[in-house]
N, C-alpha and C. Protein backbone atom coordinates (compact mmCIF):
# COMPACT_ATOMS: atom_id res chain seq x y z
N UNK A 1 -8.97 38.53 4.86
CA UNK A 1 -8.15 39.30 3.91
C UNK A 1 -7.17 38.37 3.28
N UNK A 2 -7.02 38.44 1.94
CA UNK A 2 -6.12 37.59 1.22
C UNK A 2 -4.81 38.38 0.97
N UNK A 3 -3.72 37.68 1.08
CA UNK A 3 -2.40 38.31 0.82
C UNK A 3 -2.23 38.38 -0.68
N UNK A 4 -1.54 39.36 -1.11
CA UNK A 4 -1.25 39.55 -2.57
C UNK A 4 0.21 39.80 -2.76
N UNK A 5 0.80 39.31 -3.81
CA UNK A 5 2.18 39.56 -4.18
C UNK A 5 2.37 40.98 -4.63
N UNK A 6 3.53 41.47 -4.65
CA UNK A 6 3.79 42.83 -5.04
C UNK A 6 3.31 43.16 -6.46
N UNK A 7 3.29 42.18 -7.33
CA UNK A 7 2.84 42.36 -8.72
C UNK A 7 1.35 42.30 -8.85
N UNK A 8 0.66 42.01 -7.77
CA UNK A 8 -0.79 41.88 -7.85
C UNK A 8 -1.23 40.46 -8.02
N UNK A 9 -0.32 39.49 -8.15
CA UNK A 9 -0.69 38.10 -8.39
C UNK A 9 -1.05 37.51 -6.99
N UNK A 10 -1.88 36.50 -6.99
CA UNK A 10 -2.38 35.91 -5.79
C UNK A 10 -1.35 34.98 -5.24
N UNK A 11 -1.01 35.03 -4.01
CA UNK A 11 -0.07 34.04 -3.40
C UNK A 11 -0.82 32.78 -3.13
N UNK A 12 -0.17 31.69 -3.45
CA UNK A 12 -0.74 30.34 -3.14
C UNK A 12 -0.43 29.91 -1.76
N UNK A 13 -1.33 29.27 -1.12
CA UNK A 13 -1.07 28.75 0.26
C UNK A 13 0.01 27.70 0.19
N UNK A 14 0.89 27.69 1.24
CA UNK A 14 1.96 26.69 1.29
C UNK A 14 1.39 25.47 1.94
N UNK A 15 1.96 24.29 1.51
CA UNK A 15 1.59 23.08 2.11
C UNK A 15 2.79 22.17 2.01
N UNK A 16 2.87 21.18 2.92
CA UNK A 16 3.94 20.20 2.84
C UNK A 16 3.62 19.15 1.89
N UNK A 17 4.75 18.75 1.22
CA UNK A 17 4.60 17.66 0.17
C UNK A 17 4.63 16.30 0.94
N UNK A 18 3.71 15.48 0.63
CA UNK A 18 3.70 14.13 1.27
C UNK A 18 4.83 13.27 0.66
N UNK A 19 5.29 12.30 1.35
CA UNK A 19 6.41 11.51 0.92
C UNK A 19 6.17 10.77 -0.36
N UNK A 20 4.91 10.42 -0.63
CA UNK A 20 4.64 9.59 -1.84
C UNK A 20 4.40 10.52 -3.03
N UNK A 21 4.33 11.89 -2.86
CA UNK A 21 4.16 12.80 -3.98
C UNK A 21 5.48 13.12 -4.63
N UNK A 22 5.50 13.13 -5.95
CA UNK A 22 6.77 13.42 -6.68
C UNK A 22 7.13 14.87 -6.41
N UNK A 23 8.46 15.13 -6.35
CA UNK A 23 8.97 16.46 -6.18
C UNK A 23 8.82 17.23 -7.46
N UNK A 24 8.43 18.52 -7.31
CA UNK A 24 8.34 19.27 -8.60
C UNK A 24 9.67 19.39 -9.28
N UNK A 25 9.69 19.35 -10.62
CA UNK A 25 10.98 19.51 -11.32
C UNK A 25 11.07 20.89 -11.91
N UNK A 26 12.31 21.45 -11.91
CA UNK A 26 12.51 22.80 -12.42
C UNK A 26 13.70 22.69 -13.37
N UNK A 27 13.90 23.70 -14.26
CA UNK A 27 14.99 23.63 -15.22
C UNK A 27 16.37 23.61 -14.48
N UNK A 28 16.44 24.14 -13.28
CA UNK A 28 17.67 24.12 -12.53
C UNK A 28 18.13 22.68 -12.21
N UNK A 29 17.16 21.86 -11.92
CA UNK A 29 17.50 20.47 -11.64
C UNK A 29 18.10 19.78 -12.82
N UNK A 30 17.63 20.08 -13.98
CA UNK A 30 18.11 19.46 -15.18
C UNK A 30 19.53 19.89 -15.53
N UNK A 31 20.00 21.03 -14.95
CA UNK A 31 21.33 21.50 -15.22
C UNK A 31 22.36 20.99 -14.21
N UNK A 32 21.92 20.19 -13.20
CA UNK A 32 22.86 19.77 -12.19
C UNK A 32 23.91 18.86 -12.79
N UNK A 33 25.18 18.94 -12.38
CA UNK A 33 26.20 18.02 -12.89
C UNK A 33 25.83 16.54 -12.58
N UNK A 34 26.18 15.66 -13.53
CA UNK A 34 25.82 14.29 -13.32
C UNK A 34 27.04 13.42 -13.01
N UNK A 35 28.02 14.04 -12.43
CA UNK A 35 29.27 13.32 -12.01
C UNK A 35 29.09 12.82 -10.58
N UNK A 36 28.86 11.54 -10.41
CA UNK A 36 28.75 11.05 -9.01
C UNK A 36 30.12 10.68 -8.46
N UNK A 37 30.99 10.15 -9.24
CA UNK A 37 32.32 9.73 -8.87
C UNK A 37 33.26 10.82 -9.46
N UNK A 38 34.55 10.80 -8.92
CA UNK A 38 35.44 11.76 -9.53
C UNK A 38 35.66 11.40 -11.00
N UNK A 39 35.93 12.40 -11.77
CA UNK A 39 36.28 12.21 -13.20
C UNK A 39 37.76 11.78 -13.21
N UNK A 40 38.03 10.71 -13.96
CA UNK A 40 39.40 10.22 -14.12
C UNK A 40 39.97 10.74 -15.46
N UNK A 41 41.08 11.44 -15.39
CA UNK A 41 41.63 12.01 -16.60
C UNK A 41 43.17 11.76 -16.51
N UNK A 42 43.82 12.17 -17.57
CA UNK A 42 45.32 11.99 -17.63
C UNK A 42 45.94 13.42 -17.57
N UNK A 43 47.16 13.49 -17.10
CA UNK A 43 47.94 14.71 -17.19
C UNK A 43 49.41 14.41 -17.05
N UNK A 44 50.18 15.41 -17.29
CA UNK A 44 51.60 15.37 -17.14
C UNK A 44 52.04 16.40 -16.01
N UNK A 45 53.11 15.97 -15.29
CA UNK A 45 53.66 16.85 -14.24
C UNK A 45 55.21 16.90 -14.44
N UNK A 46 55.79 17.91 -13.90
CA UNK A 46 57.24 17.95 -13.77
C UNK A 46 57.51 17.63 -12.30
N UNK A 47 58.63 16.95 -12.05
CA UNK A 47 58.96 16.62 -10.67
C UNK A 47 60.14 17.54 -10.25
N UNK A 48 59.90 18.27 -9.14
CA UNK A 48 60.95 19.15 -8.66
C UNK A 48 61.05 19.01 -7.12
N UNK A 49 62.24 19.24 -6.53
CA UNK A 49 62.31 19.14 -5.09
C UNK A 49 61.66 20.32 -4.40
N UNK A 50 60.99 19.99 -3.31
CA UNK A 50 60.38 21.00 -2.48
C UNK A 50 60.71 20.58 -1.01
N UNK A 51 61.47 21.38 -0.28
CA UNK A 51 61.93 20.95 1.09
C UNK A 51 62.63 19.62 0.98
N UNK A 52 63.48 19.46 -0.07
CA UNK A 52 64.36 18.27 -0.24
C UNK A 52 63.55 16.98 -0.60
N UNK A 53 62.24 17.10 -0.88
CA UNK A 53 61.49 15.95 -1.27
C UNK A 53 60.91 16.16 -2.68
N UNK A 54 60.93 15.14 -3.51
CA UNK A 54 60.33 15.31 -4.86
C UNK A 54 58.87 15.56 -4.78
N UNK A 55 58.34 16.53 -5.51
CA UNK A 55 56.98 16.89 -5.56
C UNK A 55 56.51 17.13 -6.99
N UNK A 56 55.24 16.91 -7.22
CA UNK A 56 54.66 17.11 -8.54
C UNK A 56 54.39 18.60 -8.64
N UNK A 57 54.79 19.16 -9.82
CA UNK A 57 54.55 20.53 -10.14
C UNK A 57 53.84 20.67 -11.47
N UNK A 58 52.88 21.53 -11.54
CA UNK A 58 52.17 21.79 -12.75
C UNK A 58 53.13 22.27 -13.84
N UNK A 59 52.89 21.85 -15.13
CA UNK A 59 53.80 22.28 -16.18
C UNK A 59 53.72 23.76 -16.53
N UNK A 60 52.56 24.35 -16.43
CA UNK A 60 52.38 25.74 -16.88
C UNK A 60 52.29 26.77 -15.81
N UNK A 61 52.27 26.34 -14.54
CA UNK A 61 52.19 27.31 -13.45
C UNK A 61 53.15 26.81 -12.41
N UNK A 62 53.75 27.74 -11.62
CA UNK A 62 54.61 27.37 -10.58
C UNK A 62 53.74 27.02 -9.34
N UNK A 63 53.15 25.89 -9.46
CA UNK A 63 52.22 25.39 -8.45
C UNK A 63 52.53 23.87 -8.09
N UNK A 64 52.89 23.67 -6.87
CA UNK A 64 53.17 22.32 -6.41
C UNK A 64 51.90 21.65 -5.90
N UNK A 65 51.75 20.34 -6.24
CA UNK A 65 50.60 19.62 -5.77
C UNK A 65 50.82 19.16 -4.34
N UNK A 66 49.92 19.44 -3.38
CA UNK A 66 50.17 19.08 -1.97
C UNK A 66 50.04 17.55 -1.81
N UNK A 67 50.74 17.04 -0.79
CA UNK A 67 50.65 15.64 -0.43
C UNK A 67 49.58 15.44 0.53
N UNK A 68 48.74 14.45 0.29
CA UNK A 68 47.73 14.09 1.26
C UNK A 68 46.50 14.97 1.30
N UNK A 69 46.46 16.00 0.43
CA UNK A 69 45.27 16.90 0.38
C UNK A 69 45.09 17.28 -1.09
N UNK A 70 43.80 17.53 -1.48
CA UNK A 70 43.62 17.85 -2.87
C UNK A 70 44.19 19.27 -3.25
N UNK A 71 44.52 19.39 -4.47
CA UNK A 71 44.91 20.69 -4.99
C UNK A 71 43.60 21.42 -5.27
N UNK A 72 43.39 22.59 -4.78
CA UNK A 72 42.17 23.38 -4.99
C UNK A 72 42.47 24.52 -5.92
N UNK A 73 41.55 24.61 -6.95
CA UNK A 73 41.71 25.59 -7.99
C UNK A 73 41.31 26.93 -7.48
N UNK A 74 41.93 27.95 -8.02
CA UNK A 74 41.54 29.35 -7.77
C UNK A 74 41.91 30.13 -8.99
N UNK A 75 41.13 31.10 -9.25
CA UNK A 75 41.26 31.93 -10.42
C UNK A 75 42.41 33.00 -10.14
N UNK A 76 43.34 33.12 -11.07
CA UNK A 76 44.42 34.07 -11.00
C UNK A 76 44.15 35.45 -11.50
N UNK A 77 42.91 35.64 -12.04
CA UNK A 77 42.58 36.95 -12.65
C UNK A 77 42.74 38.08 -11.71
N UNK A 78 42.33 37.89 -10.41
CA UNK A 78 42.44 38.97 -9.44
C UNK A 78 43.90 39.26 -9.09
N UNK A 79 44.72 38.23 -9.05
CA UNK A 79 46.14 38.39 -8.77
C UNK A 79 46.84 39.23 -9.86
N UNK A 80 46.38 39.03 -11.08
CA UNK A 80 46.90 39.80 -12.20
C UNK A 80 46.24 41.15 -12.37
N UNK A 81 45.20 41.48 -11.54
CA UNK A 81 44.50 42.73 -11.61
C UNK A 81 43.84 42.95 -12.98
N UNK A 82 43.22 41.91 -13.49
CA UNK A 82 42.48 42.09 -14.71
C UNK A 82 41.12 42.69 -14.34
N UNK A 83 40.85 43.90 -14.74
CA UNK A 83 39.62 44.55 -14.25
C UNK A 83 38.31 44.05 -14.87
N UNK A 84 38.37 43.27 -15.98
CA UNK A 84 37.17 42.83 -16.65
C UNK A 84 36.65 41.54 -15.94
N UNK A 85 37.40 40.91 -15.17
CA UNK A 85 36.94 39.65 -14.57
C UNK A 85 36.60 39.77 -13.09
N UNK A 86 35.34 39.57 -12.75
CA UNK A 86 35.01 39.67 -11.32
C UNK A 86 35.55 38.46 -10.56
N UNK A 87 35.68 38.58 -9.27
CA UNK A 87 36.15 37.44 -8.41
C UNK A 87 35.06 36.39 -8.52
N UNK A 88 35.59 35.12 -8.66
CA UNK A 88 34.66 34.01 -8.75
C UNK A 88 35.40 32.71 -8.31
N UNK A 89 34.56 31.72 -8.01
CA UNK A 89 35.09 30.40 -7.67
C UNK A 89 35.52 29.71 -8.95
N UNK A 90 36.56 28.91 -8.86
CA UNK A 90 37.05 28.23 -10.06
C UNK A 90 36.53 26.77 -10.04
N UNK A 91 36.22 26.20 -11.18
CA UNK A 91 36.26 26.83 -12.55
C UNK A 91 34.89 27.46 -12.87
N UNK A 92 34.87 28.23 -13.93
CA UNK A 92 33.67 28.78 -14.44
C UNK A 92 33.76 28.80 -15.99
N UNK A 93 32.60 28.82 -16.62
CA UNK A 93 32.61 28.82 -18.10
C UNK A 93 33.11 30.10 -18.67
N UNK A 94 33.10 31.13 -17.94
CA UNK A 94 33.52 32.44 -18.47
C UNK A 94 35.01 32.75 -18.31
N UNK A 95 35.72 31.71 -17.82
CA UNK A 95 37.18 31.93 -17.61
C UNK A 95 37.87 30.65 -17.93
N UNK A 96 39.22 30.67 -17.95
CA UNK A 96 39.99 29.42 -18.24
C UNK A 96 40.58 28.84 -16.96
N UNK A 97 40.09 29.25 -15.83
CA UNK A 97 40.69 28.74 -14.55
C UNK A 97 40.18 27.32 -14.29
N UNK A 98 40.87 26.68 -13.36
CA UNK A 98 40.52 25.29 -12.98
C UNK A 98 41.77 24.38 -13.17
N UNK A 99 41.60 23.19 -12.62
CA UNK A 99 42.67 22.17 -12.74
C UNK A 99 42.35 21.29 -13.87
N UNK A 100 43.30 21.19 -14.82
CA UNK A 100 42.98 20.54 -16.10
C UNK A 100 43.30 19.03 -16.01
N UNK A 101 42.58 18.28 -16.78
CA UNK A 101 42.81 16.89 -17.00
C UNK A 101 42.34 16.62 -18.48
N UNK A 102 42.95 15.61 -19.10
CA UNK A 102 42.63 15.40 -20.51
C UNK A 102 42.48 13.89 -20.78
N UNK A 103 41.88 13.54 -21.87
CA UNK A 103 41.83 12.13 -22.34
C UNK A 103 43.21 11.73 -22.67
N UNK A 104 43.50 10.40 -22.52
CA UNK A 104 44.80 9.86 -22.87
C UNK A 104 45.29 10.20 -24.21
N UNK A 105 44.41 10.00 -25.21
CA UNK A 105 44.79 10.16 -26.62
C UNK A 105 45.18 11.69 -26.89
N UNK A 106 44.61 12.63 -26.22
CA UNK A 106 44.98 13.98 -26.42
C UNK A 106 46.43 14.21 -26.00
N UNK A 107 46.78 13.67 -24.82
CA UNK A 107 48.17 13.78 -24.37
C UNK A 107 49.12 13.14 -25.34
N UNK A 108 48.80 11.96 -25.84
CA UNK A 108 49.60 11.27 -26.77
C UNK A 108 49.89 12.10 -28.00
N UNK A 109 48.75 12.68 -28.58
CA UNK A 109 48.94 13.49 -29.80
C UNK A 109 49.78 14.75 -29.53
N UNK A 110 49.59 15.36 -28.38
CA UNK A 110 50.27 16.58 -28.00
C UNK A 110 51.81 16.28 -27.97
N UNK A 111 52.18 15.20 -27.28
CA UNK A 111 53.62 14.92 -27.19
C UNK A 111 54.18 14.49 -28.56
N UNK A 112 53.43 13.85 -29.40
CA UNK A 112 53.91 13.44 -30.69
C UNK A 112 54.12 14.70 -31.59
N UNK A 113 53.24 15.66 -31.49
CA UNK A 113 53.35 16.86 -32.32
C UNK A 113 54.49 17.73 -31.79
N UNK A 114 54.57 17.87 -30.50
CA UNK A 114 55.66 18.77 -29.91
C UNK A 114 57.00 18.12 -29.84
N UNK A 115 57.09 16.79 -30.13
CA UNK A 115 58.36 16.08 -30.07
C UNK A 115 58.76 15.84 -28.65
N UNK A 116 57.81 15.69 -27.71
CA UNK A 116 58.13 15.42 -26.32
C UNK A 116 58.32 16.73 -25.59
N UNK A 117 58.94 16.61 -24.39
CA UNK A 117 59.14 17.79 -23.55
C UNK A 117 60.57 18.13 -23.41
N UNK A 118 60.97 19.30 -22.94
CA UNK A 118 62.35 19.68 -22.90
C UNK A 118 63.21 18.68 -22.11
N UNK A 119 64.43 18.37 -22.52
CA UNK A 119 65.29 17.41 -21.79
C UNK A 119 65.78 17.98 -20.56
N UNK A 120 66.33 17.10 -19.63
CA UNK A 120 66.95 17.60 -18.44
C UNK A 120 66.11 17.58 -17.19
N UNK A 121 64.81 17.54 -17.32
CA UNK A 121 63.91 17.58 -16.17
C UNK A 121 63.14 16.30 -16.12
N UNK A 122 62.75 15.87 -14.93
CA UNK A 122 61.94 14.65 -14.79
C UNK A 122 60.49 15.02 -14.97
N UNK A 123 59.92 14.35 -15.99
CA UNK A 123 58.46 14.52 -16.22
C UNK A 123 57.82 13.17 -15.95
N UNK A 124 56.64 13.18 -15.34
CA UNK A 124 55.91 12.00 -15.10
C UNK A 124 54.49 12.22 -15.66
N UNK A 125 53.84 11.13 -15.92
CA UNK A 125 52.38 11.16 -16.35
C UNK A 125 51.60 10.28 -15.45
N UNK A 126 50.32 10.48 -15.49
CA UNK A 126 49.50 9.66 -14.65
C UNK A 126 48.03 10.05 -14.75
N UNK A 127 47.25 9.35 -13.95
CA UNK A 127 45.82 9.67 -13.88
C UNK A 127 45.58 10.61 -12.70
N UNK A 128 44.53 11.36 -12.84
CA UNK A 128 44.16 12.32 -11.82
C UNK A 128 42.66 12.27 -11.64
N UNK A 129 42.25 12.37 -10.35
CA UNK A 129 40.85 12.37 -10.02
C UNK A 129 40.41 13.87 -9.93
N UNK A 130 39.39 14.22 -10.61
CA UNK A 130 38.88 15.60 -10.64
C UNK A 130 37.47 15.54 -9.99
N UNK A 131 37.21 16.45 -9.12
CA UNK A 131 35.82 16.49 -8.50
C UNK A 131 35.52 17.91 -8.07
N UNK A 132 34.39 17.97 -7.37
CA UNK A 132 33.81 19.34 -7.08
C UNK A 132 33.12 19.82 -8.32
N UNK A 133 33.19 21.07 -8.62
CA UNK A 133 32.63 21.59 -9.90
C UNK A 133 33.60 21.11 -10.97
N UNK A 134 33.01 20.34 -11.95
CA UNK A 134 33.80 19.88 -13.04
C UNK A 134 33.16 20.28 -14.32
N UNK A 135 33.86 20.98 -15.19
CA UNK A 135 33.40 21.47 -16.48
C UNK A 135 34.02 20.66 -17.63
N UNK A 136 33.25 20.06 -18.48
CA UNK A 136 33.71 19.34 -19.62
C UNK A 136 34.01 20.41 -20.69
N UNK A 137 35.25 20.34 -21.24
CA UNK A 137 35.66 21.32 -22.24
C UNK A 137 35.95 20.62 -23.53
N UNK A 138 36.31 21.38 -24.50
CA UNK A 138 36.61 20.76 -25.83
C UNK A 138 37.67 19.75 -25.81
N UNK A 139 38.71 19.92 -24.97
CA UNK A 139 39.84 18.98 -24.93
C UNK A 139 40.04 18.34 -23.56
N UNK A 140 39.02 18.17 -22.77
CA UNK A 140 39.16 17.55 -21.50
C UNK A 140 38.23 18.20 -20.44
N UNK A 141 38.80 18.34 -19.26
CA UNK A 141 37.94 18.79 -18.13
C UNK A 141 38.75 19.83 -17.35
N UNK A 142 37.98 20.73 -16.66
CA UNK A 142 38.54 21.67 -15.67
C UNK A 142 37.76 21.44 -14.37
N UNK A 143 38.45 21.37 -13.26
CA UNK A 143 37.84 20.98 -12.03
C UNK A 143 38.24 21.98 -10.90
N UNK A 144 37.39 21.89 -9.82
CA UNK A 144 37.65 22.68 -8.60
C UNK A 144 38.76 22.02 -7.76
N UNK A 145 38.75 20.70 -7.70
CA UNK A 145 39.70 19.92 -6.82
C UNK A 145 40.24 18.77 -7.63
N UNK A 146 41.48 18.44 -7.26
CA UNK A 146 42.11 17.26 -8.01
C UNK A 146 43.21 16.62 -7.09
N UNK A 147 43.40 15.36 -7.34
CA UNK A 147 44.52 14.65 -6.66
C UNK A 147 45.02 13.54 -7.60
N UNK A 148 46.26 13.29 -7.64
CA UNK A 148 46.78 12.24 -8.55
C UNK A 148 46.22 10.89 -8.05
N UNK A 149 45.91 9.98 -9.01
CA UNK A 149 45.48 8.66 -8.54
C UNK A 149 46.45 7.51 -8.99
N UNK A 150 47.32 7.77 -9.91
CA UNK A 150 48.35 6.80 -10.34
C UNK A 150 49.41 7.59 -11.10
N UNK A 151 50.67 7.26 -10.89
CA UNK A 151 51.75 7.90 -11.48
C UNK A 151 52.68 6.88 -12.21
N UNK A 152 53.20 7.34 -13.39
CA UNK A 152 54.17 6.55 -14.20
C UNK A 152 55.40 7.35 -14.38
N UNK A 153 56.53 6.76 -13.97
CA UNK A 153 57.83 7.49 -14.03
C UNK A 153 58.76 6.80 -15.05
N UNK A 154 59.04 7.44 -16.12
CA UNK A 154 60.00 6.84 -17.12
C UNK A 154 61.40 6.80 -16.53
N UNK A 155 62.06 5.69 -16.65
CA UNK A 155 63.41 5.48 -16.07
C UNK A 155 64.51 6.19 -16.87
N UNK A 156 64.20 6.73 -18.01
CA UNK A 156 65.22 7.35 -18.87
C UNK A 156 65.71 8.72 -18.32
N UNK A 157 65.10 9.26 -17.37
CA UNK A 157 65.47 10.55 -16.80
C UNK A 157 66.51 10.34 -15.68
N UNK A 158 67.49 11.26 -15.52
CA UNK A 158 68.44 11.10 -14.44
C UNK A 158 67.78 11.12 -13.06
N UNK A 159 68.08 10.11 -12.19
CA UNK A 159 67.54 10.01 -10.88
C UNK A 159 66.10 9.66 -10.76
N UNK A 160 65.56 9.12 -11.86
CA UNK A 160 64.12 8.80 -11.86
C UNK A 160 63.74 7.76 -10.78
N UNK A 161 64.51 6.73 -10.60
CA UNK A 161 64.14 5.68 -9.60
C UNK A 161 64.16 6.25 -8.21
N UNK A 162 65.07 7.07 -7.89
CA UNK A 162 65.11 7.73 -6.56
C UNK A 162 63.94 8.72 -6.35
N UNK A 163 63.65 9.48 -7.41
CA UNK A 163 62.49 10.41 -7.35
C UNK A 163 61.18 9.63 -7.19
N UNK A 164 61.09 8.47 -7.82
CA UNK A 164 59.87 7.68 -7.71
C UNK A 164 59.62 7.22 -6.34
N UNK A 165 60.64 6.92 -5.53
CA UNK A 165 60.47 6.52 -4.15
C UNK A 165 59.88 7.69 -3.37
N UNK A 166 60.36 8.94 -3.62
CA UNK A 166 59.84 10.05 -2.91
C UNK A 166 58.39 10.37 -3.28
N UNK A 167 58.08 10.08 -4.54
CA UNK A 167 56.64 10.36 -5.01
C UNK A 167 55.64 9.45 -4.36
N UNK A 168 56.11 8.33 -3.70
CA UNK A 168 55.23 7.47 -2.97
C UNK A 168 54.58 8.16 -1.82
N UNK A 169 55.08 9.36 -1.40
CA UNK A 169 54.46 10.10 -0.32
C UNK A 169 53.04 10.51 -0.68
N UNK A 170 52.72 10.57 -1.98
CA UNK A 170 51.34 10.89 -2.33
C UNK A 170 50.31 9.84 -2.05
N UNK A 171 50.80 8.61 -1.69
CA UNK A 171 49.91 7.58 -1.29
C UNK A 171 49.14 6.91 -2.48
N UNK A 172 49.62 7.12 -3.65
CA UNK A 172 49.01 6.46 -4.89
C UNK A 172 50.07 5.53 -5.46
N UNK A 173 49.63 4.58 -6.32
CA UNK A 173 50.57 3.66 -7.00
C UNK A 173 51.54 4.48 -7.83
N UNK A 174 52.81 4.18 -7.74
CA UNK A 174 53.89 4.79 -8.54
C UNK A 174 54.58 3.68 -9.27
N UNK A 175 54.51 3.68 -10.59
CA UNK A 175 55.07 2.61 -11.38
C UNK A 175 56.23 3.12 -12.29
N UNK A 176 57.35 2.41 -12.18
CA UNK A 176 58.49 2.71 -13.00
C UNK A 176 58.25 2.16 -14.41
N UNK A 177 58.52 2.91 -15.45
CA UNK A 177 58.36 2.46 -16.78
C UNK A 177 59.69 2.43 -17.48
N UNK A 178 60.14 1.26 -17.96
CA UNK A 178 61.41 1.11 -18.49
C UNK A 178 61.57 1.63 -19.90
N UNK A 179 61.51 2.96 -20.04
CA UNK A 179 61.62 3.65 -21.27
C UNK A 179 62.55 4.89 -21.04
N UNK A 180 62.91 5.51 -22.19
CA UNK A 180 63.82 6.63 -22.12
C UNK A 180 63.14 7.96 -22.26
N UNK A 181 61.86 7.97 -22.66
CA UNK A 181 61.12 9.23 -22.82
C UNK A 181 59.62 9.06 -22.61
N UNK A 182 58.92 10.13 -22.53
CA UNK A 182 57.48 10.08 -22.28
C UNK A 182 56.71 9.44 -23.41
N UNK A 183 57.14 9.68 -24.68
CA UNK A 183 56.46 9.16 -25.79
C UNK A 183 56.44 7.64 -25.74
N UNK A 184 57.59 7.06 -25.47
CA UNK A 184 57.63 5.56 -25.29
C UNK A 184 56.88 5.16 -24.09
N UNK A 185 56.89 5.88 -23.02
CA UNK A 185 56.12 5.55 -21.82
C UNK A 185 54.67 5.53 -22.09
N UNK A 186 54.14 6.44 -22.93
CA UNK A 186 52.76 6.45 -23.31
C UNK A 186 52.33 5.15 -24.02
N UNK A 187 53.24 4.68 -24.88
CA UNK A 187 52.93 3.40 -25.55
C UNK A 187 52.83 2.30 -24.53
N UNK A 188 53.70 2.33 -23.50
CA UNK A 188 53.66 1.29 -22.49
C UNK A 188 52.37 1.27 -21.64
N UNK A 189 51.84 2.42 -21.40
CA UNK A 189 50.61 2.55 -20.54
C UNK A 189 49.31 2.67 -21.37
N UNK A 190 49.41 2.52 -22.71
CA UNK A 190 48.24 2.69 -23.55
C UNK A 190 47.14 1.75 -23.24
N UNK A 191 47.48 0.49 -22.89
CA UNK A 191 46.47 -0.53 -22.57
C UNK A 191 45.71 -0.12 -21.34
N UNK A 192 46.29 0.61 -20.37
CA UNK A 192 45.62 1.05 -19.16
C UNK A 192 44.63 2.12 -19.44
N UNK A 193 44.85 2.91 -20.51
CA UNK A 193 43.94 3.96 -20.85
C UNK A 193 42.74 3.47 -21.70
N UNK A 194 42.85 2.22 -22.23
CA UNK A 194 41.72 1.79 -23.07
C UNK A 194 40.52 1.38 -22.25
C-alpha cells in the first residue's frame, strides 16, 4: 500500500543526501542575510551619569547602553499599547524598531543642516558594531544588537576629558578630539570614515 498526501499527491520516499551531492536550493536560502561580520556604522550619543559613572545614552530614547554587554533592541509598540502592531522581535521591516547606525556622511549632513546639537550636554560620536538581524534601510541600518567599537570625545564640552576616562569602561578606544563642537570633530575623524 502506497502512502498518499492529504491532497492526493504521491509522497516521495525519503533518502539521505550523500556528502558529494549538492544541497537543494530554495528561495528561502537566497533571502538569508549576507552579513558575516558585524556591520560597522556611525552614530551619536549623549553622555550622562548613571550611578555616578558616565554612560552612553541614546539621543532619542531614554536608554543607556550597557557596559560589557550588547544593547539588545526591542519593539516599544506593546509598551505604548498600539493595537495594530503584533508583538515581534526587533527589528522588522513592518516597524521602525531596532538599533540605528548610519553612514558617516549622513551624520555629517544632519549636523550641518541642524546646526549641531543643543549646547550644555556632552555629545560623543563613534562607530558601532551592529549584528544579529540587521536590516539595511534608506539612511543606514537597524539591528537587533549593537555595541560601540570606537568613541570620539570633543574637548569643547565641559568636563569632557574626565568623562572620557569614565567611558573607557566600555573597553573600546576612546579618543579625545581637540575641537569645540561635533561639526569640527567630524572634520577631524573624516579620514577614518573613508
